Amino acid sequence: QALNGGLVSIGDSSAAATSTSGAIRFIADGGTSNLSSRVEVPKLESYEGYQNGTAPGFYAQRGGHVSVANLTTVSRSALELKSGGTMDTTQLVSFSGGFFGDFTVLDQPADFTNLESLSSAEVRITGLTQPFPKLSNIDDSSWYLDGGATVTLDAVQQYAYTSIDNSDRYFRADGVGSVLSLPNLSTISIINDFSNELFVQALNGGLVSIGDSSSAATSTS
């Protein structure tokens, strides 16, 4: 934890390991004064959390920054960027949340230019337009947009719910100006051992648009 103007720097030598696993939380929080606070893990390339009732992962808010410029792969983990929090995200390619993986972006957009897979996560976008230009795999994820948030997932062509965690999935846009668009989504498949469902919800003036391009097919199961 780097709190209230603090700095934690881990593994900045050439001999530092490039991967880690376990129930680790990387937290940068500047506190009520929004002081610059940094967690630096410059050599980290991959991270796999261990979910034992905790929520391992990466958390930044109120002037906090998580510096992980080489991190490309995250699994069984959370990522939460709340008001005033930032993290090196441009290089991220794959994020898999697992059972407790919240993926939250609040109030200011992050750079997910190279993110291709965002699976098994509870994706929550609030009050901003968040681009995902290369994102093509969102299997097993739920998407919750509110506060006028807008997300367009042009590269997503199919969606599958194959998880066995016995919970429903949601595509939800809540509130005026909140828009979730999947213009090229052609196939939706629900394959699991329980009676779980995918709920497509437009609430309180929100909009969810699926398959509105000429290339979209009409297959669901």
Protein backbone atom coordinates (compact mmCIF):
# COMPACT_ATOMS: atom_id res chain seq x y z
CA GLN A 1 0.00 0.00 0.00
CA ALA A 2 1.10 3.51 -0.87
CA LEU A 3 -1.14 5.86 1.12
CA ASN A 4 -1.38 9.63 1.63
CA GLY A 5 1.67 10.51 -0.42
CA GLY A 6 3.62 7.30 0.17
CA LEU A 7 5.75 5.29 -2.25
CA VAL A 8 6.26 1.53 -2.43
CA SER A 9 8.74 0.28 -5.04
CA ILE A 10 9.15 -3.47 -5.57
CA GLY A 11 11.58 -5.32 -7.80
CA ASP A 12 13.20 -2.45 -9.68
CA SER A 13 16.50 -4.23 -10.19
CA SER A 14 17.50 -6.17 -13.29
CA ALA A 15 17.29 -9.39 -11.27
CA ALA A 16 13.65 -8.91 -10.25
CA ALA A 17 11.13 -11.62 -11.10
CA THR A 18 8.62 -10.89 -13.84
CA SER A 19 5.62 -12.84 -12.55
CA THR A 20 3.89 -13.37 -9.26
CA SER A 21 0.82 -15.11 -7.88
CA GLY A 22 -1.15 -15.19 -4.65
CA ALA A 23 -3.57 -13.00 -2.71
CA ILE A 24 -1.79 -9.68 -3.19
CA ARG A 25 -3.44 -6.26 -3.30
CA PHE A 26 -1.52 -3.41 -4.91
CA ILE A 27 -3.14 -0.24 -3.52
CA ALA A 28 -2.34 3.41 -4.25
CA ASP A 29 -4.61 5.88 -2.45
CA GLY A 30 -3.79 9.55 -1.96
CA GLY A 31 -6.42 10.00 0.73
CA THR A 32 -8.79 12.90 1.19
CA SER A 33 -6.08 15.38 0.12
CA ASN A 34 -5.48 13.52 -3.16
CA LEU A 35 -1.75 13.31 -2.51
CA SER A 36 0.43 11.68 -5.15
CA SER A 37 0.91 8.08 -3.98
CA ARG A 38 2.67 5.39 -6.01
CA VAL A 39 3.03 1.64 -6.03
CA GLU A 40 5.81 0.72 -8.47
CA VAL A 41 6.37 -2.83 -9.73
CA PRO A 42 8.28 -2.09 -12.95
CA LYS A 43 9.39 -5.61 -13.86
CA LEU A 44 6.05 -7.35 -13.37
CA GLU A 45 4.77 -8.93 -16.61
CA SER A 46 2.04 -11.28 -15.35
CA TYR A 47 -0.04 -11.67 -12.22
CA GLU A 48 -2.36 -14.45 -11.07
CA GLY A 49 -4.38 -13.85 -7.95
CA TYR A 50 -5.50 -16.41 -5.43
CA GLN A 51 -9.09 -15.91 -4.39
CA ASN A 52 -9.65 -17.10 -0.86
CA GLY A 53 -12.41 -14.70 0.09
CA THR A 54 -10.23 -11.65 -0.51
CA ALA A 55 -10.07 -9.58 -3.69
CA PRO A 56 -6.47 -9.55 -4.95
CA GLY A 57 -5.54 -7.12 -7.66
CA PHE A 58 -4.80 -3.50 -8.49
CA TYR A 59 -6.49 -0.51 -6.86
CA ALA A 60 -5.93 3.22 -7.39
CA GLN A 61 -7.89 6.29 -6.32
CA ARG A 62 -7.57 9.91 -5.12
CA GLY A 63 -4.18 10.69 -6.63
CA GLY A 64 -2.86 7.15 -6.42
CA HIS A 65 -0.96 5.55 -9.30
CA VAL A 66 -0.03 1.89 -9.82
CA SER A 67 3.06 1.72 -12.01
CA VAL A 68 3.23 -1.63 -13.85
CA ALA A 69 4.44 -0.63 -17.31
CA ASN A 70 5.36 -4.20 -18.33
CA LEU A 71 2.25 -5.97 -17.04
CA THR A 72 0.42 -7.63 -19.94
CA THR A 73 -1.52 -10.54 -18.39
CA VAL A 74 -3.75 -10.57 -15.30
CA SER A 75 -5.93 -13.44 -14.08
CA ARG A 76 -8.12 -14.23 -11.05
CA SER A 77 -7.87 -10.64 -9.99
CA ALA A 78 -9.55 -7.23 -9.72
CA LEU A 79 -8.72 -3.88 -11.28
CA GLU A 80 -10.34 -0.79 -9.83
CA LEU A 81 -9.56 2.74 -11.02
CA LYS A 82 -11.74 5.11 -9.07
CA SER A 83 -11.87 8.91 -8.97
CA GLY A 84 -8.37 10.35 -9.34
CA GLY A 85 -6.70 6.94 -9.58
CA THR A 86 -4.50 5.85 -12.48
CA MET A 87 -2.55 2.80 -13.56
CA ASP A 88 -0.32 1.80 -16.46
CA THR A 89 -2.84 0.03 -18.69
CA THR A 90 -1.77 0.70 -22.28
CA GLN A 91 0.27 -2.50 -22.41
CA LEU A 92 -2.43 -4.81 -20.98
CA VAL A 93 -3.44 -7.59 -23.38
CA SER A 94 -5.46 -10.02 -21.29
CA PHE A 95 -7.53 -9.71 -18.10
CA SER A 96 -9.49 -12.58 -16.57
CA GLY A 97 -11.32 -11.74 -13.39
CA GLY A 98 -12.23 -15.15 -12.05
CA PHE A 99 -14.95 -15.49 -9.44
CA PHE A 100 -14.46 -12.09 -7.74
CA GLY A 101 -12.85 -10.02 -10.50
CA ASP A 102 -14.26 -6.49 -10.55
CA PHE A 103 -12.99 -4.38 -13.44
CA THR A 104 -14.00 -0.83 -12.56
CA VAL A 105 -13.28 2.48 -14.30
CA LEU A 106 -14.88 5.51 -12.65
CA ASP A 107 -15.10 9.12 -13.87
CA GLN A 108 -12.01 9.22 -16.11
CA PRO A 109 -11.10 6.92 -19.02
CA ALA A 110 -8.06 4.65 -18.99
CA ASP A 111 -5.98 3.61 -21.98
CA PHE A 112 -6.85 0.04 -22.96
CA THR A 113 -5.50 0.35 -26.49
CA ASN A 114 -4.05 -3.16 -26.58
CA LEU A 115 -6.54 -5.07 -24.44
CA GLU A 116 -7.83 -8.02 -26.47
CA SER A 117 -9.48 -10.21 -23.82
CA LEU A 118 -11.60 -9.18 -20.82
CA SER A 119 -13.25 -12.35 -19.57
CA SER A 120 -14.91 -13.63 -16.40
CA ALA A 121 -15.18 -10.13 -14.94
CA GLU A 122 -17.75 -7.74 -13.52
CA VAL A 123 -17.04 -4.72 -15.75
CA ARG A 124 -18.31 -1.45 -14.29
CA ILE A 125 -17.96 1.82 -16.21
CA THR A 126 -19.35 5.02 -14.69
CA GLY A 127 -19.66 8.53 -16.09
CA LEU A 128 -17.28 8.38 -19.06
CA THR A 129 -16.72 7.20 -22.60
CA GLN A 130 -14.30 4.27 -22.43
CA PRO A 131 -12.72 2.99 -25.66
CA PHE A 132 -11.73 -0.68 -26.09
CA PRO A 133 -10.48 -0.65 -29.71
CA LYS A 134 -9.05 -4.19 -29.85
CA LEU A 135 -11.24 -5.99 -27.32
CA SER A 136 -12.72 -9.09 -28.96
CA ASN A 137 -13.19 -11.61 -26.12
CA ILE A 138 -15.65 -10.75 -23.34
CA ASP A 139 -16.82 -14.30 -22.58
CA ASP A 140 -18.32 -14.90 -19.13
CA SER A 141 -18.26 -11.18 -18.30
CA SER A 142 -21.02 -8.88 -17.13
CA TRP A 143 -21.09 -5.23 -18.21
CA TYR A 144 -22.66 -2.49 -16.07
CA LEU A 145 -22.74 1.09 -17.39
CA ASP A 146 -24.23 4.05 -15.53
CA GLY A 147 -23.90 7.79 -15.05
CA GLY A 148 -23.95 8.48 -18.80
CA ALA A 149 -21.15 6.01 -19.56
CA THR A 150 -20.73 4.87 -23.16
CA VAL A 151 -18.87 1.82 -24.47
CA THR A 152 -18.77 0.52 -28.04
CA LEU A 153 -17.25 -2.92 -28.57
CA ASP A 154 -16.71 -3.08 -32.33
CA ALA A 155 -14.39 -6.11 -32.26
CA VAL A 156 -16.71 -8.41 -30.29
CA GLN A 157 -18.40 -10.88 -32.65
CA GLN A 158 -19.49 -13.60 -30.25
CA TYR A 159 -20.29 -14.01 -26.58
CA ALA A 160 -20.33 -17.23 -24.56
CA TYR A 161 -21.29 -17.86 -20.97
CA THR A 162 -19.51 -21.09 -20.05
CA SER A 163 -18.64 -20.46 -16.41
CA ILE A 164 -19.88 -22.76 -13.65
CA ASP A 165 -20.04 -20.22 -10.82
CA ASN A 166 -23.86 -20.43 -10.68
CA SER A 167 -24.59 -16.74 -11.23
CA ASP A 168 -26.34 -14.78 -13.96
CA ARG A 169 -24.65 -12.39 -16.38
CA TYR A 170 -25.73 -8.88 -17.36
CA PHE A 171 -25.41 -6.41 -20.22
CA ARG A 172 -26.82 -3.34 -18.47
CA ALA A 173 -27.00 0.36 -19.33
CA ASP A 174 -28.61 2.36 -16.52
CA GLY A 175 -29.54 6.01 -16.82
CA VAL A 176 -29.97 8.62 -19.52
CA GLY A 177 -26.95 8.74 -21.80
CA SER A 178 -25.63 5.34 -20.76
CA VAL A 179 -25.01 3.29 -23.91
CA LEU A 180 -23.58 -0.20 -24.37
CA SER A 181 -23.14 -1.01 -28.07
CA LEU A 182 -22.00 -4.31 -29.58
CA PRO A 183 -22.64 -3.62 -33.27
CA ASN A 184 -20.96 -6.76 -34.64
CA LEU A 185 -22.06 -9.30 -32.03
CA SER A 186 -23.36 -12.21 -34.08
CA THR A 187 -23.64 -15.15 -31.69
CA ILE A 188 -24.65 -15.49 -28.05
CA SER A 189 -24.27 -18.90 -26.40
CA ILE A 190 -25.29 -19.80 -22.84
CA ILE A 191 -23.64 -23.09 -21.93
CA ASN A 192 -23.50 -24.03 -18.25
CA ASP A 193 -24.66 -26.62 -15.76
CA PHE A 194 -27.09 -24.35 -13.94
CA SER A 195 -30.23 -22.45 -14.92
CA ASN A 196 -28.35 -19.21 -15.34
CA GLU A 197 -29.31 -16.44 -17.72
CA LEU A 198 -27.89 -13.46 -19.56
CA PHE A 199 -29.98 -10.36 -18.80
CA VAL A 200 -29.89 -7.58 -21.41
CA GLN A 201 -31.16 -4.54 -19.55
CA ALA A 202 -31.74 -0.93 -20.54
CA LEU A 203 -32.88 0.91 -17.41
CA ASN A 204 -33.94 4.47 -16.60
CA GLY A 205 -33.25 5.82 -20.07
CA GLY A 206 -30.23 3.65 -20.90
CA LEU A 207 -29.58 1.93 -24.23
CA VAL A 208 -28.17 -1.50 -25.04
CA SER A 209 -27.63 -2.07 -28.77
CA ILE A 210 -26.65 -5.50 -30.09
CA GLY A 211 -25.89 -6.49 -33.67
CA ASP A 212 -26.91 -3.30 -35.41
CA SER A 213 -24.34 -3.54 -38.22
CA SER A 214 -24.95 -5.16 -41.59
CA SER A 215 -22.51 -7.96 -40.71
CA ALA A 216 -24.30 -9.03 -37.55
CA ALA A 217 -25.96 -12.43 -37.58
CA THR A 218 -29.02 -13.49 -35.64
CA SER A 219 -27.92 -16.60 -33.76
CA THR A 220 -28.47 -17.12 -30.04
CA SER A 221 -28.71 -20.23 -27.93
